[in-house]
PDB file of N, CA and C in Angstrom:
ATOM      1  N   MET A   1     224.657 152.877 222.301  1.00  0.00           N
ATOM      2  CA  MET A   1     223.774 152.905 221.139  1.00  0.00           C
ATOM      3  C   MET A   1     224.323 151.946 220.089  1.00  0.00           C
ATOM      4  N   PRO A   2     223.478 151.132 219.488  1.00  0.00           N
ATOM      5  CA  PRO A   2     223.960 150.157 218.509  1.00  0.00           C
ATOM      6  C   PRO A   2     224.295 150.741 217.130  1.00  0.00           C
ATOM      7  N   ILE A   3     224.239 152.054 216.989  1.00  0.00           N
ATOM      8  CA  ILE A   3     224.668 152.663 215.726  1.00  0.00           C
ATOM      9  C   ILE A   3     225.960 153.424 216.000  1.00  0.00           C
ATOM     10  N   GLN A   4     227.018 153.001 215.339  1.00  0.00           N
ATOM     11  CA  GLN A   4     228.315 153.667 215.472  1.00  0.00           C
ATOM     12  C   GLN A   4     228.506 154.565 214.264  1.00  0.00           C
ATOM     13  N   ASN A   5     229.008 155.778 214.497  1.00  0.00           N
ATOM     14  CA  ASN A   5     229.178 156.754 213.413  1.00  0.00           C
ATOM     15  C   ASN A   5     230.621 157.230 213.334  1.00  0.00           C
ATOM     16  N   SER A   6     231.062 157.456 212.114  1.00  0.00           N
ATOM     17  CA  SER A   6     232.331 158.131 211.874  1.00  0.00           C
ATOM     18  C   SER A   6     232.132 159.008 210.644  1.00  0.00           C
ATOM     19  N   VAL A   7     232.968 160.036 210.513  1.00  0.00           N
ATOM     20  CA  VAL A   7     232.805 161.001 209.433  1.00  0.00           C
ATOM     21  C   VAL A   7     234.128 161.179 208.708  1.00  0.00           C
ATOM     22  N   ASP A   8     234.079 161.101 207.395  1.00  0.00           N
ATOM     23  CA  ASP A   8     235.231 161.416 206.553  1.00  0.00           C
ATOM     24  C   ASP A   8     234.969 162.792 205.950  1.00  0.00           C
ATOM     25  N   THR A   9     235.617 163.813 206.499  1.00  0.00           N
ATOM     26  CA  THR A   9     235.367 165.174 206.030  1.00  0.00           C
ATOM     27  C   THR A   9     235.983 165.425 204.658  1.00  0.00           C
ATOM     28  N   ASN A  10     237.018 164.661 204.279  1.00  0.00           N
ATOM     29  CA  ASN A  10     237.608 164.839 202.951  1.00  0.00           C
ATOM     30  C   ASN A  10     236.663 164.366 201.856  1.00  0.00           C
ATOM     31  N   GLU A  11     236.085 163.182 202.045  1.00  0.00           N
ATOM     32  CA  GLU A  11     235.144 162.648 201.048  1.00  0.00           C
ATOM     33  C   GLU A  11     233.722 163.112 201.299  1.00  0.00           C
ATOM     34  N   ARG A  12     233.491 163.751 202.450  1.00  0.00           N
ATOM     35  CA  ARG A  12     232.172 164.243 202.827  1.00  0.00           C
ATOM     36  C   ARG A  12     231.154 163.099 202.880  1.00  0.00           C
ATOM     37  N   ILE A  13     231.540 162.069 203.675  1.00  0.00           N
ATOM     38  CA  ILE A  13     230.689 160.897 203.855  1.00  0.00           C
ATOM     39  C   ILE A  13     230.573 160.590 205.349  1.00  0.00           C
ATOM     40  N   VAL A  14     229.345 160.352 205.796  1.00  0.00           N
ATOM     41  CA  VAL A  14     229.085 159.860 207.143  1.00  0.00           C
ATOM     42  C   VAL A  14     228.942 158.350 207.038  1.00  0.00           C
ATOM     43  N   TYR A  15     229.697 157.636 207.871  1.00  0.00           N
ATOM     44  CA  TYR A  15     229.613 156.179 207.926  1.00  0.00           C
ATOM     45  C   TYR A  15     228.852 155.792 209.185  1.00  0.00           C
ATOM     46  N   SER A  16     227.743 155.100 209.021  1.00  0.00           N
ATOM     47  CA  SER A  16     226.938 154.639 210.155  1.00  0.00           C
ATOM     48  C   SER A  16     226.826 153.125 210.050  1.00  0.00           C
ATOM     49  N   THR A  17     227.081 152.436 211.174  1.00  0.00           N
ATOM     50  CA  THR A  17     227.048 150.982 211.205  1.00  0.00           C
ATOM     51  C   THR A  17     226.216 150.510 212.386  1.00  0.00           C
ATOM     52  N   CYS A  18     225.259 149.642 212.121  1.00  0.00           N
ATOM     53  CA  CYS A  18     224.442 149.049 213.187  1.00  0.00           C
ATOM     54  C   CYS A  18     225.147 147.788 213.671  1.00  0.00           C
ATOM     55  N   VAL A  19     225.276 147.665 214.983  1.00  0.00           N
ATOM     56  CA  VAL A  19     226.019 146.528 215.538  1.00  0.00           C
ATOM     57  C   VAL A  19     225.266 145.787 216.640  1.00  0.00           C
ATOM     58  N   GLY A  20     224.002 146.025 216.802  1.00  0.00           N
ATOM     59  CA  GLY A  20     223.245 145.352 217.852  1.00  0.00           C
ATOM     60  C   GLY A  20     221.757 145.410 217.566  1.00  0.00           C
ATOM     61  N   LYS A  21     220.990 145.099 218.584  1.00  0.00           N
ATOM     62  CA  LYS A  21     219.541 145.111 218.446  1.00  0.00           C
ATOM     63  C   LYS A  21     219.044 146.554 218.416  1.00  0.00           C
ATOM     64  N   MET A  22     218.358 146.897 217.354  1.00  0.00           N
ATOM     65  CA  MET A  22     217.874 148.257 217.162  1.00  0.00           C
ATOM     66  C   MET A  22     216.493 148.428 217.767  1.00  0.00           C
ATOM     67  N   SER A  23     216.329 149.530 218.478  1.00  0.00           N
ATOM     68  CA  SER A  23     215.017 149.891 218.992  1.00  0.00           C
ATOM     69  C   SER A  23     214.622 151.235 218.391  1.00  0.00           C
ATOM     70  N   LYS A  24     213.386 151.578 218.557  1.00  0.00           N
ATOM     71  CA  LYS A  24     212.896 152.869 218.091  1.00  0.00           C
ATOM     72  C   LYS A  24     213.695 153.999 218.738  1.00  0.00           C
ATOM     73  N   GLU A  25     213.980 153.877 220.017  1.00  0.00           N
ATOM     74  CA  GLU A  25     214.723 154.898 220.746  1.00  0.00           C
ATOM     75  C   GLU A  25     216.140 155.072 220.195  1.00  0.00           C
ATOM     76  N   ASP A  26     216.782 153.964 219.807  1.00  0.00           N
ATOM     77  CA  ASP A  26     218.124 154.044 219.225  1.00  0.00           C
ATOM     78  C   ASP A  26     218.096 154.839 217.925  1.00  0.00           C
ATOM     79  N   PHE A  27     217.078 154.587 217.132  1.00  0.00           N
ATOM     80  CA  PHE A  27     217.000 155.295 215.852  1.00  0.00           C
ATOM     81  C   PHE A  27     216.691 156.772 216.063  1.00  0.00           C
ATOM     82  N   ILE A  28     215.877 157.094 217.058  1.00  0.00           N
ATOM     83  CA  ILE A  28     215.592 158.494 217.373  1.00  0.00           C
ATOM     84  C   ILE A  28     216.881 159.201 217.773  1.00  0.00           C
ATOM     85  N   GLU A  29     217.695 158.556 218.587  1.00  0.00           N
ATOM     86  CA  GLU A  29     218.981 159.133 219.005  1.00  0.00           C
ATOM     87  C   GLU A  29     219.898 159.348 217.798  1.00  0.00           C
ATOM     88  N   TYR A  30     219.921 158.391 216.905  1.00  0.00           N
ATOM     89  CA  TYR A  30     220.727 158.508 215.681  1.00  0.00           C
ATOM     90  C   TYR A  30     220.274 159.709 214.846  1.00  0.00           C
ATOM     91  N   VAL A  31     218.974 159.860 214.665  1.00  0.00           N
ATOM     92  CA  VAL A  31     218.453 160.992 213.894  1.00  0.00           C
ATOM     93  C   VAL A  31     218.880 162.309 214.535  1.00  0.00           C
ATOM     94  N   LYS A  32     218.823 162.386 215.860  1.00  0.00           N
ATOM     95  CA  LYS A  32     219.255 163.606 216.556  1.00  0.00           C
ATOM     96  C   LYS A  32     220.742 163.864 216.346  1.00  0.00           C
ATOM     97  N   GLU A  33     221.546 162.808 216.432  1.00  0.00           N
ATOM     98  CA  GLU A  33     223.006 162.946 216.364  1.00  0.00           C
ATOM     99  C   GLU A  33     223.505 163.250 214.952  1.00  0.00           C
ATOM    100  N   ILE A  34     222.910 162.641 213.955  1.00  0.00           N
ATOM    101  CA  ILE A  34     223.440 162.757 212.593  1.00  0.00           C
ATOM    102  C   ILE A  34     222.572 163.624 211.685  1.00  0.00           C
ATOM    103  N   TRP A  35     221.277 163.471 211.707  1.00  0.00           N
ATOM    104  CA  TRP A  35     220.408 164.143 210.733  1.00  0.00           C
ATOM    105  C   TRP A  35     219.890 165.500 211.184  1.00  0.00           C
ATOM    106  N   SER A  36     219.830 165.751 212.481  1.00  0.00           N
ATOM    107  CA  SER A  36     219.073 166.898 212.975  1.00  0.00           C
ATOM    108  C   SER A  36     219.839 168.202 213.137  1.00  0.00           C
ATOM    109  N   HIS A  37     221.070 168.236 212.723  1.00  0.00           N
ATOM    110  CA  HIS A  37     221.802 169.503 212.767  1.00  0.00           C
ATOM    111  C   HIS A  37     222.568 169.656 211.463  1.00  0.00           C
ATOM    112  N   GLY A  38     223.000 170.830 211.167  1.00  0.00           N
ATOM    113  CA  GLY A  38     223.588 171.116 209.864  1.00  0.00           C
ATOM    114  C   GLY A  38     225.054 170.785 209.701  1.00  0.00           C
ATOM    115  N   ASP A  39     225.684 170.145 210.698  1.00  0.00           N
ATOM    116  CA  ASP A  39     227.116 169.857 210.600  1.00  0.00           C
ATOM    117  C   ASP A  39     227.459 169.003 209.386  1.00  0.00           C
ATOM    118  N   TYR A  40     226.549 168.145 208.969  1.00  0.00           N
ATOM    119  CA  TYR A  40     226.829 167.229 207.866  1.00  0.00           C
ATOM    120  C   TYR A  40     225.992 167.547 206.623  1.00  0.00           C
ATOM    121  N   TYR A  41     225.527 168.775 206.529  1.00  0.00           N
ATOM    122  CA  TYR A  41     224.758 169.179 205.348  1.00  0.00           C
ATOM    123  C   TYR A  41     225.640 169.027 204.116  1.00  0.00           C
ATOM    124  N   GLY A  42     225.126 168.376 203.095  1.00  0.00           N
ATOM    125  CA  GLY A  42     225.881 168.155 201.870  1.00  0.00           C
ATOM    126  C   GLY A  42     226.697 166.876 201.881  1.00  0.00           C
ATOM    127  N   PHE A  43     226.750 166.184 203.016  1.00  0.00           N
ATOM    128  CA  PHE A  43     227.481 164.926 203.097  1.00  0.00           C
ATOM    129  C   PHE A  43     226.582 163.786 202.636  1.00  0.00           C
ATOM    130  N   ASN A  44     227.188 162.808 201.965  1.00  0.00           N
ATOM    131  CA  ASN A  44     226.505 161.562 201.670  1.00  0.00           C
ATOM    132  C   ASN A  44     226.625 160.659 202.888  1.00  0.00           C
ATOM    133  N   GLU A  45     225.832 159.578 202.908  1.00  0.00           N
ATOM    134  CA  GLU A  45     225.906 158.666 204.049  1.00  0.00           C
ATOM    135  C   GLU A  45     225.854 157.218 203.598  1.00  0.00           C
ATOM    136  N   LEU A  46     226.732 156.421 204.190  1.00  0.00           N
ATOM    137  CA  LEU A  46     226.713 154.969 204.027  1.00  0.00           C
ATOM    138  C   LEU A  46     226.188 154.394 205.332  1.00  0.00           C
ATOM    139  N   PHE A  47     225.059 153.739 205.286  1.00  0.00           N
ATOM    140  CA  PHE A  47     224.403 153.193 206.475  1.00  0.00           C
ATOM    141  C   PHE A  47     224.395 151.672 206.334  1.00  0.00           C
ATOM    142  N   ASP A  48     225.274 151.002 207.075  1.00  0.00           N
ATOM    143  CA  ASP A  48     225.415 149.546 206.998  1.00  0.00           C
ATOM    144  C   ASP A  48     224.570 148.905 208.093  1.00  0.00           C
ATOM    145  N   VAL A  49     223.531 148.195 207.707  1.00  0.00           N
ATOM    146  CA  VAL A  49     222.641 147.563 208.670  1.00  0.00           C
ATOM    147  C   VAL A  49     222.816 146.046 208.718  1.00  0.00           C
ATOM    148  N   THR A  50     223.851 145.527 208.076  1.00  0.00           N
ATOM    149  CA  THR A  50     224.001 144.072 207.946  1.00  0.00           C
ATOM    150  C   THR A  50     224.329 143.367 209.252  1.00  0.00           C
ATOM    151  N   ARG A  51     224.893 144.073 210.230  1.00  0.00           N
ATOM    152  CA  ARG A  51     225.234 143.438 211.510  1.00  0.00           C
ATOM    153  C   ARG A  51     224.232 143.790 212.610  1.00  0.00           C
ATOM    154  N   GLY A  52     223.187 144.522 212.255  1.00  0.00           N
ATOM    155  CA  GLY A  52     222.184 144.916 213.239  1.00  0.00           C
ATOM    156  C   GLY A  52     221.024 143.947 213.278  1.00  0.00           C
ATOM    157  N   ASP A  53     220.348 143.939 214.408  1.00  0.00           N
ATOM    158  CA  ASP A  53     219.132 143.145 214.578  1.00  0.00           C
ATOM    159  C   ASP A  53     217.958 144.114 214.495  1.00  0.00           C
ATOM    160  N   TRP A  54     217.225 144.056 213.406  1.00  0.00           N
ATOM    161  CA  TRP A  54     216.114 144.975 213.147  1.00  0.00           C
ATOM    162  C   TRP A  54     214.768 144.291 213.370  1.00  0.00           C
ATOM    163  N   SER A  55     214.742 143.223 214.142  1.00  0.00           N
ATOM    164  CA  SER A  55     213.513 142.446 214.310  1.00  0.00           C
ATOM    165  C   SER A  55     212.391 143.234 214.979  1.00  0.00           C
ATOM    166  N   GLU A  56     212.720 144.246 215.790  1.00  0.00           N
ATOM    167  CA  GLU A  56     211.677 145.031 216.458  1.00  0.00           C
ATOM    168  C   GLU A  56     211.118 146.146 215.589  1.00  0.00           C
ATOM    169  N   PHE A  57     211.784 146.450 214.482  1.00  0.00           N
ATOM    170  CA  PHE A  57     211.315 147.530 213.621  1.00  0.00           C
ATOM    171  C   PHE A  57     210.118 147.064 212.824  1.00  0.00           C
ATOM    172  N   ASN A  58     209.203 148.008 212.594  1.00  0.00           N
ATOM    173  CA  ASN A  58     208.030 147.664 211.804  1.00  0.00           C
ATOM    174  C   ASN A  58     207.746 148.787 210.809  1.00  0.00           C
ATOM    175  N   PHE A  59     206.847 148.527 209.919  1.00  0.00           N
ATOM    176  CA  PHE A  59     206.552 149.474 208.850  1.00  0.00           C
ATOM    177  C   PHE A  59     205.947 150.768 209.369  1.00  0.00           C
ATOM    178  N   SER A  60     205.114 150.696 210.403  1.00  0.00           N
ATOM    179  CA  SER A  60     204.486 151.923 210.900  1.00  0.00           C
ATOM    180  C   SER A  60     205.524 152.880 211.466  1.00  0.00           C
ATOM    181  N   TYR A  61     206.567 152.366 212.087  1.00  0.00           N
ATOM    182  CA  TYR A  61     207.611 153.241 212.610  1.00  0.00           C
ATOM    183  C   TYR A  61     208.329 153.973 211.485  1.00  0.00           C
ATOM    184  N   LEU A  62     208.548 153.300 210.366  1.00  0.00           N
ATOM    185  CA  LEU A  62     209.234 153.948 209.248  1.00  0.00           C
ATOM    186  C   LEU A  62     208.413 155.092 208.662  1.00  0.00           C
ATOM    187  N   ILE A  63     207.100 155.016 208.773  1.00  0.00           N
ATOM    188  CA  ILE A  63     206.264 156.134 208.324  1.00  0.00           C
ATOM    189  C   ILE A  63     206.590 157.366 209.163  1.00  0.00           C
ATOM    190  N   GLU A  64     206.725 157.191 210.478  1.00  0.00           N
ATOM    191  CA  GLU A  64     207.106 158.303 211.355  1.00  0.00           C
ATOM    192  C   GLU A  64     208.461 158.876 210.974  1.00  0.00           C
ATOM    193  N   VAL A  65     209.433 157.997 210.736  1.00  0.00           N
ATOM    194  CA  VAL A  65     210.782 158.451 210.379  1.00  0.00           C
ATOM    195  C   VAL A  65     210.739 159.267 209.099  1.00  0.00           C
ATOM    196  N   ALA A  66     210.035 158.788 208.088  1.00  0.00           N
ATOM    197  CA  ALA A  66     209.961 159.491 206.811  1.00  0.00           C
ATOM    198  C   ALA A  66     209.285 160.852 206.975  1.00  0.00           C
ATOM    199  N   LYS A  67     208.216 160.911 207.754  1.00  0.00           N
ATOM    200  CA  LYS A  67     207.537 162.191 207.973  1.00  0.00           C
ATOM    201  C   LYS A  67     208.438 163.172 208.706  1.00  0.00           C
ATOM    202  N   ASN A  68     209.133 162.692 209.736  1.00  0.00           N
ATOM    203  CA  ASN A  68     210.038 163.570 210.478  1.00  0.00           C
ATOM    204  C   ASN A  68     211.202 164.032 209.614  1.00  0.00           C
ATOM    205  N   ALA A  69     211.745 163.147 208.806  1.00  0.00           N
ATOM    206  CA  ALA A  69     212.845 163.523 207.922  1.00  0.00           C
ATOM    207  C   ALA A  69     212.397 164.568 206.910  1.00  0.00           C
ATOM    208  N   ALA A  70     211.140 164.504 206.505  1.00  0.00           N
ATOM    209  CA  ALA A  70     210.618 165.473 205.538  1.00  0.00           C
ATOM    210  C   ALA A  70     210.644 166.888 206.087  1.00  0.00           C
ATOM    211  N   MET A  71     210.574 167.023 207.402  1.00  0.00           N
ATOM    212  CA  MET A  71     210.562 168.344 208.020  1.00  0.00           C
ATOM    213  C   MET A  71     211.968 168.887 208.278  1.00  0.00           C
ATOM    214  N   LEU A  72     212.972 168.038 208.205  1.00  0.00           N
ATOM    215  CA  LEU A  72     214.333 168.472 208.498  1.00  0.00           C
ATOM    216  C   LEU A  72     214.910 169.280 207.341  1.00  0.00           C
ATOM    217  N   ARG A  73     215.406 170.438 207.639  1.00  0.00           N
ATOM    218  CA  ARG A  73     216.083 171.253 206.625  1.00  0.00           C
ATOM    219  C   ARG A  73     217.594 171.107 206.749  1.00  0.00           C
ATOM    220  N   THR A  74     218.016 170.166 207.584  1.00  0.00           N
ATOM    221  CA  THR A  74     219.435 169.926 207.819  1.00  0.00           C
ATOM    222  C   THR A  74     219.981 168.827 206.911  1.00  0.00           C
ATOM    223  N   ILE A  75     219.122 168.251 206.065  1.00  0.00           N
ATOM    224  CA  ILE A  75     219.548 167.223 205.116  1.00  0.00           C
ATOM    225  C   ILE A  75     219.513 167.826 203.714  1.00  0.00           C
ATOM    226  N   ASP A  76     220.636 167.792 203.051  1.00  0.00           N
ATOM    227  CA  ASP A  76     220.757 168.331 201.696  1.00  0.00           C
ATOM    228  C   ASP A  76     220.020 167.410 200.714  1.00  0.00           C
ATOM    229  N   PRO A  77     219.009 167.911 200.003  1.00  0.00           N
ATOM    230  CA  PRO A  77     218.284 167.055 199.061  1.00  0.00           C
ATOM    231  C   PRO A  77     219.151 166.590 197.893  1.00  0.00           C
ATOM    232  N   GLU A  78     220.310 167.197 197.719  1.00  0.00           N
ATOM    233  CA  GLU A  78     221.233 166.771 196.657  1.00  0.00           C
ATOM    234  C   GLU A  78     222.164 165.649 197.117  1.00  0.00           C
ATOM    235  N   SER A  79     222.114 165.294 198.399  1.00  0.00           N
ATOM    236  CA  SER A  79     222.995 164.251 198.921  1.00  0.00           C
ATOM    237  C   SER A  79     222.369 162.873 198.704  1.00  0.00           C
ATOM    238  N   LYS A  80     223.166 161.840 199.036  1.00  0.00           N
ATOM    239  CA  LYS A  80     222.732 160.456 198.831  1.00  0.00           C
ATOM    240  C   LYS A  80     222.863 159.677 200.141  1.00  0.00           C
ATOM    241  N   LEU A  81     221.953 158.723 200.312  1.00  0.00           N
ATOM    242  CA  LEU A  81     221.991 157.802 201.444  1.00  0.00           C
ATOM    243  C   LEU A  81     221.990 156.386 200.889  1.00  0.00           C
ATOM    244  N   ALA A  82     223.073 155.656 201.132  1.00  0.00           N
ATOM    245  CA  ALA A  82     223.194 154.269 200.669  1.00  0.00           C
ATOM    246  C   ALA A  82     223.052 153.344 201.864  1.00  0.00           C
ATOM    247  N   TRP A  83     222.082 152.443 201.813  1.00  0.00           N
ATOM    248  CA  TRP A  83     221.909 151.438 202.858  1.00  0.00           C
ATOM    249  C   TRP A  83     222.504 150.133 202.359  1.00  0.00           C
ATOM    250  N   VAL A  84     223.374 149.543 203.160  1.00  0.00           N
ATOM    251  CA  VAL A  84     223.911 148.216 202.856  1.00  0.00           C
ATOM    252  C   VAL A  84     223.084 147.242 203.676  1.00  0.00           C
ATOM    253  N   VAL A  85     222.384 146.351 202.991  1.00  0.00           N
ATOM    254  CA  VAL A  85     221.380 145.490 203.627  1.00  0.00           C
ATOM    255  C   VAL A  85     221.614 144.019 203.311  1.00  0.00           C
ATOM    256  N   LEU A  86     220.940 143.181 204.058  1.00  0.00           N
ATOM    257  CA  LEU A  86     220.837 141.760 203.762  1.00  0.00           C
ATOM    258  C   LEU A  86     219.496 141.526 203.095  1.00  0.00           C
ATOM    259  N   GLU A  87     219.314 140.366 202.522  1.00  0.00           N
ATOM    260  CA  GLU A  87     218.000 140.031 201.967  1.00  0.00           C
ATOM    261  C   GLU A  87     217.002 139.905 203.111  1.00  0.00           C
ATOM    262  N   GLY A  88     215.739 139.937 202.804  1.00  0.00           N
ATOM    263  CA  GLY A  88     214.724 139.727 203.816  1.00  0.00           C
ATOM    264  C   GLY A  88     214.120 141.019 204.323  1.00  0.00           C
ATOM    265  N   LYS A  89     213.915 141.061 205.635  1.00  0.00           N
ATOM    266  CA  LYS A  89     213.191 142.177 206.234  1.00  0.00           C
ATOM    267  C   LYS A  89     213.886 143.510 205.991  1.00  0.00           C
ATOM    268  N   GLN A  90     215.217 143.556 206.048  1.00  0.00           N
ATOM    269  CA  GLN A  90     215.933 144.816 205.827  1.00  0.00           C
ATOM    270  C   GLN A  90     215.643 145.367 204.435  1.00  0.00           C
ATOM    271  N   ARG A  91     215.626 144.499 203.465  1.00  0.00           N
ATOM    272  CA  ARG A  91     215.340 144.935 202.091  1.00  0.00           C
ATOM    273  C   ARG A  91     213.894 145.423 201.979  1.00  0.00           C
ATOM    274  N   GLU A  92     212.983 144.710 202.594  1.00  0.00           N
ATOM    275  CA  GLU A  92     211.571 145.110 202.575  1.00  0.00           C
ATOM    276  C   GLU A  92     211.382 146.463 203.257  1.00  0.00           C
ATOM    277  N   LEU A  93     212.047 146.659 204.398  1.00  0.00           N
ATOM    278  CA  LEU A  93     211.953 147.933 205.103  1.00  0.00           C
ATOM    279  C   LEU A  93     212.512 149.071 204.251  1.00  0.00           C
ATOM    280  N   THR A  94     213.604 148.807 203.545  1.00  0.00           N
ATOM    281  CA  THR A  94     214.197 149.832 202.678  1.00  0.00           C
ATOM    282  C   THR A  94     213.228 150.239 201.575  1.00  0.00           C
ATOM    283  N   GLU A  95     212.652 149.263 200.907  1.00  0.00           N
ATOM    284  CA  GLU A  95     211.732 149.564 199.815  1.00  0.00           C
ATOM    285  C   GLU A  95     210.489 150.290 200.325  1.00  0.00           C
ATOM    286  N   PHE A  96     210.008 149.884 201.487  1.00  0.00           N
ATOM    287  CA  PHE A  96     208.851 150.553 202.075  1.00  0.00           C
ATOM    288  C   PHE A  96     209.195 151.998 202.424  1.00  0.00           C
ATOM    289  N   TYR A  97     210.354 152.212 203.035  1.00  0.00           N
ATOM    290  CA  TYR A  97     210.778 153.567 203.411  1.00  0.00           C
ATOM    291  C   TYR A  97     210.894 154.451 202.170  1.00  0.00           C
ATOM    292  N   LYS A  98     211.463 153.909 201.105  1.00  0.00           N
ATOM    293  CA  LYS A  98     211.589 154.683 199.863  1.00  0.00           C
ATOM    294  C   LYS A  98     210.214 155.111 199.353  1.00  0.00           C
ATOM    295  N   SER A  99     209.238 154.210 199.420  1.00  0.00           N
ATOM    296  CA  SER A  99     207.892 154.531 198.952  1.00  0.00           C
ATOM    297  C   SER A  99     207.246 155.608 199.812  1.00  0.00           C
ATOM    298  N   VAL A 100     207.348 155.462 201.125  1.00  0.00           N
ATOM    299  CA  VAL A 100     206.768 156.450 202.040  1.00  0.00           C
ATOM    300  C   VAL A 100     207.459 157.794 201.863  1.00  0.00           C
ATOM    301  N   LYS A 101     208.778 157.760 201.695  1.00  0.00           N
ATOM    302  CA  LYS A 101     209.564 158.978 201.522  1.00  0.00           C
ATOM    303  C   LYS A 101     209.087 159.758 200.297  1.00  0.00           C
ATOM    304  N   LEU A 102     208.802 159.062 199.228  1.00  0.00           N
ATOM    305  CA  LEU A 102     208.311 159.735 198.027  1.00  0.00           C
ATOM    306  C   LEU A 102     206.945 160.371 198.263  1.00  0.00           C
ATOM    307  N   LEU A 103     206.095 159.680 199.010  1.00  0.00           N
ATOM    308  CA  LEU A 103     204.763 160.212 199.292  1.00  0.00           C
ATOM    309  C   LEU A 103     204.808 161.416 200.225  1.00  0.00           C
ATOM    310  N   THR A 104     205.705 161.384 201.202  1.00  0.00           N
ATOM    311  CA  THR A 104     205.729 162.452 202.198  1.00  0.00           C
ATOM    312  C   THR A 104     206.664 163.593 201.840  1.00  0.00           C
ATOM    313  N   GLN A 105     207.694 163.316 201.054  1.00  0.00           N
ATOM    314  CA  GLN A 105     208.700 164.331 200.789  1.00  0.00           C
ATOM    315  C   GLN A 105     208.734 164.791 199.338  1.00  0.00           C
ATOM    316  N   GLY A 106     208.156 164.013 198.460  1.00  0.00           N
ATOM    317  CA  GLY A 106     208.178 164.378 197.053  1.00  0.00           C
ATOM    318  C   GLY A 106     209.600 164.469 196.528  1.00  0.00           C
ATOM    319  N   ASN A 107     209.881 165.499 195.772  1.00  0.00           N
ATOM    320  CA  ASN A 107     211.201 165.668 195.167  1.00  0.00           C
ATOM    321  C   ASN A 107     212.191 166.369 196.082  1.00  0.00           C
ATOM    322  N   ARG A 108     211.815 166.735 197.286  1.00  0.00           N
ATOM    323  CA  ARG A 108     212.676 167.474 198.198  1.00  0.00           C
ATOM    324  C   ARG A 108     213.629 166.568 198.964  1.00  0.00           C
ATOM    325  N   SER A 109     213.614 165.311 198.716  1.00  0.00           N
ATOM    326  CA  SER A 109     214.357 164.342 199.504  1.00  0.00           C
ATOM    327  C   SER A 109     215.653 163.913 198.829  1.00  0.00           C
ATOM    328  N   ARG A 110     216.644 163.554 199.647  1.00  0.00           N
ATOM    329  CA  ARG A 110     217.888 163.028 199.080  1.00  0.00           C
ATOM    330  C   ARG A 110     217.654 161.652 198.487  1.00  0.00           C
ATOM    331  N   SER A 111     218.545 161.246 197.606  1.00  0.00           N
ATOM    332  CA  SER A 111     218.445 159.940 196.960  1.00  0.00           C
ATOM    333  C   SER A 111     218.757 158.837 197.955  1.00  0.00           C
ATOM    334  N   LEU A 112     218.018 157.764 197.871  1.00  0.00           N
ATOM    335  CA  LEU A 112     218.215 156.606 198.738  1.00  0.00           C
ATOM    336  C   LEU A 112     218.218 155.355 197.887  1.00  0.00           C
ATOM    337  N   GLU A 113     219.233 154.528 198.090  1.00  0.00           N
ATOM    338  CA  GLU A 113     219.307 153.237 197.408  1.00  0.00           C
ATOM    339  C   GLU A 113     219.818 152.191 198.377  1.00  0.00           C
ATOM    340  N   ALA A 114     219.393 150.952 198.192  1.00  0.00           N
ATOM    341  CA  ALA A 114     219.868 149.833 199.002  1.00  0.00           C
ATOM    342  C   ALA A 114     220.818 148.981 198.165  1.00  0.00           C
ATOM    343  N   PHE A 115     221.854 148.482 198.814  1.00  0.00           N
ATOM    344  CA  PHE A 115     222.883 147.675 198.153  1.00  0.00           C
ATOM    345  C   PHE A 115     223.189 146.462 199.016  1.00  0.00           C
ATOM    346  N   TYR A 116     223.680 145.409 198.371  1.00  0.00           N
ATOM    347  CA  TYR A 116     224.060 144.204 199.096  1.00  0.00           C
ATOM    348  C   TYR A 116     225.545 144.172 199.423  1.00  0.00           C
ATOM    349  N   SER A 117     226.303 145.173 198.986  1.00  0.00           N
ATOM    350  CA  SER A 117     227.731 145.228 199.316  1.00  0.00           C
ATOM    351  C   SER A 117     228.160 146.680 199.536  1.00  0.00           C
ATOM    352  N   LYS A 118     229.151 146.849 200.416  1.00  0.00           N
ATOM    353  CA  LYS A 118     229.691 148.187 200.663  1.00  0.00           C
ATOM    354  C   LYS A 118     230.360 148.739 199.412  1.00  0.00           C
ATOM    355  N   GLY A 119     231.019 147.881 198.657  1.00  0.00           N
ATOM    356  CA  GLY A 119     231.697 148.331 197.443  1.00  0.00           C
ATOM    357  C   GLY A 119     230.733 148.964 196.455  1.00  0.00           C
ATOM    358  N   ASP A 120     229.604 148.310 196.209  1.00  0.00           N
ATOM    359  CA  ASP A 120     228.600 148.863 195.295  1.00  0.00           C
ATOM    360  C   ASP A 120     228.034 150.172 195.844  1.00  0.00           C
ATOM    361  N   ALA A 121     227.800 150.213 197.152  1.00  0.00           N
ATOM    362  CA  ALA A 121     227.268 151.428 197.774  1.00  0.00           C
ATOM    363  C   ALA A 121     228.255 152.583 197.632  1.00  0.00           C
ATOM    364  N   MET A 122     229.530 152.323 197.865  1.00  0.00           N
ATOM    365  CA  MET A 122     230.541 153.375 197.766  1.00  0.00           C
ATOM    366  C   MET A 122     230.681 153.882 196.334  1.00  0.00           C
ATOM    367  N   ARG A 123     230.626 152.979 195.364  1.00  0.00           N
ATOM    368  CA  ARG A 123     230.700 153.426 193.959  1.00  0.00           C
ATOM    369  C   ARG A 123     229.557 154.365 193.635  1.00  0.00           C
ATOM    370  N   TRP A 124     228.360 154.045 194.115  1.00  0.00           N
ATOM    371  CA  TRP A 124     227.189 154.913 193.876  1.00  0.00           C
ATOM    372  C   TRP A 124     227.353 156.244 194.596  1.00  0.00           C
ATOM    373  N   LEU A 125     227.815 156.224 195.833  1.00  0.00           N
ATOM    374  CA  LEU A 125     227.989 157.474 196.576  1.00  0.00           C
ATOM    375  C   LEU A 125     229.014 158.397 195.933  1.00  0.00           C
ATOM    376  N   ARG A 126     230.057 157.820 195.394  1.00  0.00           N
ATOM    377  CA  ARG A 126     231.134 158.625 194.789  1.00  0.00           C
ATOM    378  C   ARG A 126     230.805 159.096 193.376  1.00  0.00           C
ATOM    379  N   LYS A 127     229.821 158.496 192.767  1.00  0.00           N
ATOM    380  CA  LYS A 127     229.434 158.861 191.401  1.00  0.00           C
ATOM    381  C   LYS A 127     228.779 160.238 191.399  1.00  0.00           C
ATOM    382  N   LYS A 128     229.254 161.091 190.535  1.00  0.00           N
ATOM    383  CA  LYS A 128     228.711 162.461 190.445  1.00  0.00           C
ATOM    384  C   LYS A 128     227.464 162.505 189.624  1.00  0.00           C
TER     385      LYS A 128
END
């Protein structure tokens, strides 16, 4: 799977890094592994997509992801998800996902922000 995960239980952060060509199936597996059970409830997440190839992803797929995430009770709405992105399609996908997430999840959703550097993302995640 092109998404590698590690967990820092002291800081309560899940680190996810994309390292290859992403498919819909890869993202479904990631959601099952990280989002779909309560082991990481209350953890923030740093999701680095800068080394991944997201060329196959499209906006309609993100609508499905947002709707499915809205049904998950295993994600703490008080937690944060920081995406580290490049300019271009990744940034557009992030902004689109944020918009869909607001429409489908309302205020029940965790905070999501996109950053161009891991340092900026980590500062935001650690901020109380």
